[in-house]
Amino acid sequence: MMEDAAHAWTQHLRIAVLRSLLDLPEQTGHESLLVDLVNGVAIMADRDQVRGAISWLHEQSLVVAEVKRGALCASLTERGVLVAEGRRSYPGVKKPSRALTAAATLAIDKLKG
């Protein structure tokens, strides 16, 4: 049962990262910002967990990950955009819901203002 919950949480974290990137300028963000954004949609993750999600998403070619000025940054790929928008499913990533989309938008708006 705990494994099922951990698996579901991981899938939610991955889509939250993708959705957050989708709403950022140039569809790119650094790990610290992504931690704040995923926590803003109640996916309580620390920096190591977000780094793990970014690394996994990079291995799947859903993001391009690179270190810039000491921080891990991620940029959506074309495939990542399709998954983030819910137009394509991908094993290991939760299909986005309308509620998650609205929550991600609210989290970004909070950080802006």
N, C-alpha and C. Protein backbone atom coordinates (compact mmCIF):
# COMPACT_ATOMS: atom_id res chain seq x y z
N MET A 1 0.83 -1.19 0.00
CA MET A 1 0.00 0.00 0.00
C MET A 1 0.87 1.26 0.00
N MET A 2 1.94 1.27 0.83
CA MET A 2 2.83 2.43 0.86
C MET A 2 3.54 2.60 -0.47
N GLU A 3 3.88 1.48 -1.12
CA GLU A 3 4.52 1.56 -2.43
C GLU A 3 3.59 2.21 -3.44
N ASP A 4 2.30 1.88 -3.38
CA ASP A 4 1.32 2.48 -4.29
C ASP A 4 1.23 3.98 -4.07
N ALA A 5 1.23 4.40 -2.81
CA ALA A 5 1.15 5.83 -2.49
C ALA A 5 2.41 6.54 -2.96
N ALA A 6 3.57 5.94 -2.75
CA ALA A 6 4.83 6.55 -3.18
C ALA A 6 4.89 6.65 -4.70
N HIS A 7 4.41 5.62 -5.39
CA HIS A 7 4.39 5.62 -6.85
C HIS A 7 3.45 6.72 -7.36
N ALA A 8 2.28 6.83 -6.78
CA ALA A 8 1.32 7.87 -7.18
C ALA A 8 1.89 9.26 -6.93
N TRP A 9 2.54 9.45 -5.76
CA TRP A 9 3.13 10.75 -5.43
C TRP A 9 4.21 11.12 -6.45
N THR A 10 5.04 10.15 -6.82
CA THR A 10 6.11 10.39 -7.79
C THR A 10 5.53 10.80 -9.14
N GLN A 11 4.47 10.14 -9.57
CA GLN A 11 3.82 10.50 -10.84
C GLN A 11 3.25 11.91 -10.77
N HIS A 12 2.68 12.27 -9.63
CA HIS A 12 2.14 13.62 -9.44
C HIS A 12 3.26 14.66 -9.45
N LEU A 13 4.37 14.35 -8.80
CA LEU A 13 5.51 15.27 -8.79
C LEU A 13 6.01 15.52 -10.21
N ARG A 14 6.12 14.48 -10.99
CA ARG A 14 6.63 14.62 -12.36
C ARG A 14 5.72 15.50 -13.21
N ILE A 15 4.40 15.30 -13.13
CA ILE A 15 3.51 16.15 -13.92
C ILE A 15 3.51 17.58 -13.37
N ALA A 16 3.65 17.74 -12.07
CA ALA A 16 3.70 19.08 -11.49
C ALA A 16 4.92 19.84 -12.00
N VAL A 17 6.05 19.16 -12.11
CA VAL A 17 7.25 19.79 -12.66
C VAL A 17 7.01 20.19 -14.11
N LEU A 18 6.47 19.27 -14.90
CA LEU A 18 6.21 19.58 -16.32
C LEU A 18 5.23 20.73 -16.47
N ARG A 19 4.14 20.71 -15.70
CA ARG A 19 3.13 21.78 -15.78
C ARG A 19 3.72 23.11 -15.35
N SER A 20 4.56 23.09 -14.33
CA SER A 20 5.19 24.33 -13.87
C SER A 20 6.08 24.91 -14.96
N LEU A 21 6.87 24.06 -15.60
CA LEU A 21 7.73 24.53 -16.69
C LEU A 21 6.92 25.09 -17.85
N LEU A 22 5.79 24.47 -18.13
CA LEU A 22 4.93 24.91 -19.23
C LEU A 22 4.51 26.37 -19.04
N ASP A 23 4.29 26.77 -17.81
CA ASP A 23 3.80 28.11 -17.52
C ASP A 23 4.90 29.15 -17.30
N LEU A 24 6.16 28.73 -17.32
CA LEU A 24 7.26 29.66 -17.09
C LEU A 24 7.77 30.26 -18.40
N PRO A 25 8.34 31.46 -18.33
CA PRO A 25 8.94 32.06 -19.53
C PRO A 25 9.97 31.11 -20.14
N GLU A 26 9.90 30.96 -21.44
CA GLU A 26 10.79 30.08 -22.19
C GLU A 26 10.69 28.62 -21.75
N GLN A 27 9.67 28.30 -20.95
CA GLN A 27 9.43 26.93 -20.48
C GLN A 27 10.67 26.34 -19.81
N THR A 28 11.34 27.20 -19.04
CA THR A 28 12.60 26.84 -18.36
C THR A 28 12.56 27.33 -16.93
N GLY A 29 13.06 26.51 -16.00
CA GLY A 29 13.11 26.92 -14.61
C GLY A 29 14.22 26.21 -13.88
N HIS A 30 14.69 26.82 -12.79
CA HIS A 30 15.73 26.19 -11.99
C HIS A 30 15.10 25.46 -10.81
N GLU A 31 15.87 24.58 -10.23
CA GLU A 31 15.35 23.66 -9.21
C GLU A 31 14.68 24.37 -8.04
N SER A 32 15.23 25.47 -7.58
CA SER A 32 14.65 26.18 -6.43
C SER A 32 13.25 26.71 -6.75
N LEU A 33 13.11 27.30 -7.93
CA LEU A 33 11.80 27.80 -8.35
C LEU A 33 10.81 26.64 -8.50
N LEU A 34 11.26 25.55 -9.07
CA LEU A 34 10.38 24.39 -9.25
C LEU A 34 9.94 23.80 -7.92
N VAL A 35 10.82 23.81 -6.91
CA VAL A 35 10.42 23.36 -5.58
C VAL A 35 9.26 24.22 -5.08
N ASP A 36 9.40 25.54 -5.20
CA ASP A 36 8.33 26.44 -4.75
C ASP A 36 7.03 26.19 -5.51
N LEU A 37 7.13 25.99 -6.82
CA LEU A 37 5.93 25.81 -7.63
C LEU A 37 5.22 24.49 -7.33
N VAL A 38 5.97 23.40 -7.21
CA VAL A 38 5.30 22.13 -6.91
C VAL A 38 4.74 22.13 -5.50
N ASN A 39 5.42 22.78 -4.57
CA ASN A 39 4.86 22.89 -3.22
C ASN A 39 3.61 23.75 -3.23
N GLY A 40 3.54 24.71 -4.15
CA GLY A 40 2.36 25.56 -4.28
C GLY A 40 1.11 24.82 -4.73
N VAL A 41 1.30 23.65 -5.31
CA VAL A 41 0.15 22.82 -5.71
C VAL A 41 0.02 21.61 -4.79
N ALA A 42 0.57 21.74 -3.60
CA ALA A 42 0.44 20.73 -2.53
C ALA A 42 1.12 19.41 -2.84
N ILE A 43 2.14 19.44 -3.68
CA ILE A 43 3.01 18.27 -3.87
C ILE A 43 4.26 18.61 -3.06
N MET A 44 4.24 18.30 -1.80
CA MET A 44 5.30 18.73 -0.90
C MET A 44 6.58 17.95 -1.19
N ALA A 45 7.51 18.63 -1.86
CA ALA A 45 8.75 17.99 -2.28
C ALA A 45 9.93 18.87 -1.87
N ASP A 46 11.04 18.23 -1.54
CA ASP A 46 12.24 18.99 -1.24
C ASP A 46 13.11 19.07 -2.49
N ARG A 47 14.22 19.76 -2.37
CA ARG A 47 15.09 19.98 -3.52
C ARG A 47 15.62 18.67 -4.09
N ASP A 48 16.00 17.73 -3.26
CA ASP A 48 16.51 16.44 -3.76
C ASP A 48 15.44 15.69 -4.55
N GLN A 49 14.21 15.74 -4.08
CA GLN A 49 13.12 15.05 -4.79
C GLN A 49 12.84 15.71 -6.13
N VAL A 50 12.88 17.03 -6.18
CA VAL A 50 12.67 17.73 -7.45
C VAL A 50 13.84 17.45 -8.40
N ARG A 51 15.05 17.43 -7.86
CA ARG A 51 16.21 17.08 -8.68
C ARG A 51 16.05 15.68 -9.27
N GLY A 52 15.57 14.74 -8.46
CA GLY A 52 15.35 13.39 -8.94
C GLY A 52 14.32 13.35 -10.06
N ALA A 53 13.23 14.13 -9.89
CA ALA A 53 12.21 14.18 -10.93
C ALA A 53 12.76 14.79 -12.22
N ILE A 54 13.54 15.86 -12.09
CA ILE A 54 14.14 16.49 -13.27
C ILE A 54 15.06 15.50 -13.98
N SER A 55 15.88 14.78 -13.22
CA SER A 55 16.80 13.80 -13.82
C SER A 55 16.03 12.71 -14.55
N TRP A 56 14.97 12.20 -13.92
CA TRP A 56 14.17 11.15 -14.56
C TRP A 56 13.52 11.70 -15.84
N LEU A 57 12.95 12.90 -15.75
CA LEU A 57 12.30 13.50 -16.93
C LEU A 57 13.31 13.73 -18.05
N HIS A 58 14.54 14.06 -17.68
CA HIS A 58 15.61 14.23 -18.68
C HIS A 58 15.93 12.89 -19.36
N GLU A 59 16.02 11.83 -18.57
CA GLU A 59 16.30 10.50 -19.13
C GLU A 59 15.21 10.07 -20.10
N GLN A 60 13.99 10.57 -19.90
CA GLN A 60 12.86 10.21 -20.77
C GLN A 60 12.72 11.18 -21.95
N SER A 61 13.61 12.15 -22.04
CA SER A 61 13.59 13.19 -23.09
C SER A 61 12.36 14.09 -23.00
N LEU A 62 11.84 14.25 -21.79
CA LEU A 62 10.71 15.17 -21.60
C LEU A 62 11.20 16.57 -21.22
N VAL A 63 12.41 16.65 -20.68
CA VAL A 63 13.07 17.92 -20.41
C VAL A 63 14.54 17.80 -20.78
N VAL A 64 15.16 18.94 -20.97
CA VAL A 64 16.61 19.01 -21.08
C VAL A 64 17.09 19.58 -19.75
N ALA A 65 17.97 18.87 -19.08
CA ALA A 65 18.48 19.31 -17.78
C ALA A 65 19.94 19.69 -17.94
N GLU A 66 20.30 20.82 -17.30
CA GLU A 66 21.69 21.25 -17.29
C GLU A 66 21.95 22.10 -16.06
N VAL A 67 23.19 22.11 -15.64
CA VAL A 67 23.57 22.91 -14.48
C VAL A 67 24.03 24.28 -14.99
N LYS A 68 23.41 25.32 -14.43
CA LYS A 68 23.77 26.70 -14.76
C LYS A 68 24.03 27.44 -13.46
N ARG A 69 25.23 27.97 -13.33
CA ARG A 69 25.61 28.71 -12.13
C ARG A 69 25.34 27.93 -10.84
N GLY A 70 25.61 26.64 -10.91
CA GLY A 70 25.48 25.80 -9.73
C GLY A 70 24.09 25.26 -9.45
N ALA A 71 23.10 25.64 -10.25
CA ALA A 71 21.72 25.17 -10.03
C ALA A 71 21.29 24.30 -11.20
N LEU A 72 20.55 23.25 -10.89
CA LEU A 72 20.01 22.40 -11.94
C LEU A 72 18.82 23.10 -12.58
N CYS A 73 18.87 23.25 -13.89
CA CYS A 73 17.79 23.89 -14.64
C CYS A 73 17.17 22.88 -15.59
N ALA A 74 15.89 23.07 -15.86
CA ALA A 74 15.18 22.18 -16.78
C ALA A 74 14.42 23.01 -17.79
N SER A 75 14.40 22.52 -19.02
CA SER A 75 13.63 23.14 -20.10
C SER A 75 12.80 22.06 -20.77
N LEU A 76 11.55 22.38 -21.05
CA LEU A 76 10.69 21.40 -21.70
C LEU A 76 11.15 21.10 -23.12
N THR A 77 11.03 19.85 -23.50
CA THR A 77 11.21 19.46 -24.89
C THR A 77 9.83 19.47 -25.56
N GLU A 78 9.80 19.29 -26.85
CA GLU A 78 8.52 19.23 -27.56
C GLU A 78 7.66 18.09 -27.00
N ARG A 79 8.29 16.96 -26.75
CA ARG A 79 7.59 15.81 -26.17
C ARG A 79 7.06 16.15 -24.77
N GLY A 80 7.88 16.86 -23.99
CA GLY A 80 7.47 17.27 -22.65
C GLY A 80 6.27 18.20 -22.66
N VAL A 81 6.22 19.09 -23.65
CA VAL A 81 5.07 19.99 -23.79
C VAL A 81 3.80 19.17 -24.04
N LEU A 82 3.88 18.20 -24.91
CA LEU A 82 2.71 17.37 -25.22
C LEU A 82 2.21 16.64 -23.98
N VAL A 83 3.13 16.12 -23.18
CA VAL A 83 2.75 15.42 -21.95
C VAL A 83 2.18 16.41 -20.93
N ALA A 84 2.83 17.56 -20.77
CA ALA A 84 2.36 18.57 -19.82
C ALA A 84 0.97 19.07 -20.16
N GLU A 85 0.68 19.19 -21.44
CA GLU A 85 -0.64 19.66 -21.87
C GLU A 85 -1.70 18.56 -21.85
N GLY A 86 -1.28 17.33 -21.62
CA GLY A 86 -2.22 16.22 -21.59
C GLY A 86 -2.59 15.70 -22.97
N ARG A 87 -1.85 16.11 -23.98
CA ARG A 87 -2.13 15.64 -25.34
C ARG A 87 -1.45 14.32 -25.65
N ARG A 88 -0.52 13.92 -24.78
CA ARG A 88 0.14 12.62 -24.91
C ARG A 88 0.37 12.09 -23.50
N SER A 89 0.15 10.80 -23.33
CA SER A 89 0.43 10.21 -22.02
C SER A 89 1.83 9.61 -22.05
N TYR A 90 2.40 9.43 -20.86
CA TYR A 90 3.73 8.85 -20.76
C TYR A 90 3.77 8.02 -19.49
N PRO A 91 4.24 6.77 -19.58
CA PRO A 91 4.31 5.91 -18.39
C PRO A 91 5.18 6.56 -17.31
N GLY A 92 4.67 6.58 -16.09
CA GLY A 92 5.41 7.15 -14.98
C GLY A 92 5.09 8.60 -14.70
N VAL A 93 4.24 9.19 -15.55
CA VAL A 93 3.83 10.59 -15.37
C VAL A 93 2.31 10.62 -15.32
N LYS A 94 1.77 11.25 -14.29
CA LYS A 94 0.32 11.37 -14.16
C LYS A 94 -0.22 12.25 -15.28
N LYS A 95 -1.33 11.84 -15.85
CA LYS A 95 -1.99 12.70 -16.84
C LYS A 95 -2.54 13.91 -16.10
N PRO A 96 -2.31 15.12 -16.63
CA PRO A 96 -2.75 16.32 -15.89
C PRO A 96 -4.26 16.43 -15.81
N SER A 97 -4.70 16.97 -14.69
CA SER A 97 -6.12 17.22 -14.51
C SER A 97 -6.36 18.72 -14.60
N ARG A 98 -7.58 19.11 -14.80
CA ARG A 98 -7.90 20.54 -14.84
C ARG A 98 -7.61 21.20 -13.51
N ALA A 99 -7.82 20.48 -12.41
CA ALA A 99 -7.55 21.04 -11.08
C ALA A 99 -6.07 21.34 -10.91
N LEU A 100 -5.21 20.45 -11.40
CA LEU A 100 -3.77 20.67 -11.30
C LEU A 100 -3.37 21.87 -12.14
N THR A 101 -3.96 22.02 -13.31
CA THR A 101 -3.66 23.15 -14.16
C THR A 101 -4.03 24.46 -13.47
N ALA A 102 -5.21 24.51 -12.88
CA ALA A 102 -5.65 25.72 -12.18
C ALA A 102 -4.76 26.00 -10.97
N ALA A 103 -4.39 24.97 -10.23
CA ALA A 103 -3.55 25.15 -9.05
C ALA A 103 -2.16 25.64 -9.44
N ALA A 104 -1.61 25.13 -10.53
CA ALA A 104 -0.30 25.58 -11.00
C ALA A 104 -0.34 27.05 -11.39
N THR A 105 -1.40 27.46 -12.05
CA THR A 105 -1.55 28.86 -12.44
C THR A 105 -1.62 29.75 -11.21
N LEU A 106 -2.37 29.33 -10.20
CA LEU A 106 -2.47 30.11 -8.96
C LEU A 106 -1.12 30.20 -8.25
N ALA A 107 -0.37 29.12 -8.23
CA ALA A 107 0.95 29.13 -7.57
C ALA A 107 1.88 30.10 -8.27
N ILE A 108 1.86 30.11 -9.58
CA ILE A 108 2.72 31.04 -10.33
C ILE A 108 2.29 32.47 -10.09
N ASP A 109 1.00 32.72 -10.08
CA ASP A 109 0.50 34.07 -9.82
C ASP A 109 0.91 34.55 -8.43
N LYS A 110 0.89 33.66 -7.44
CA LYS A 110 1.32 34.03 -6.08
C LYS A 110 2.78 34.45 -6.05
N LEU A 111 3.61 33.70 -6.78
CA LEU A 111 5.03 34.02 -6.79
C LEU A 111 5.31 35.33 -7.53
N LYS A 112 4.51 35.65 -8.51
CA LYS A 112 4.69 36.89 -9.27
C LYS A 112 4.31 38.11 -8.46
N GLY A 113 3.28 37.97 -7.65
CA GLY A 113 2.76 39.18 -7.01
C GLY A 113 2.78 39.12 -5.56
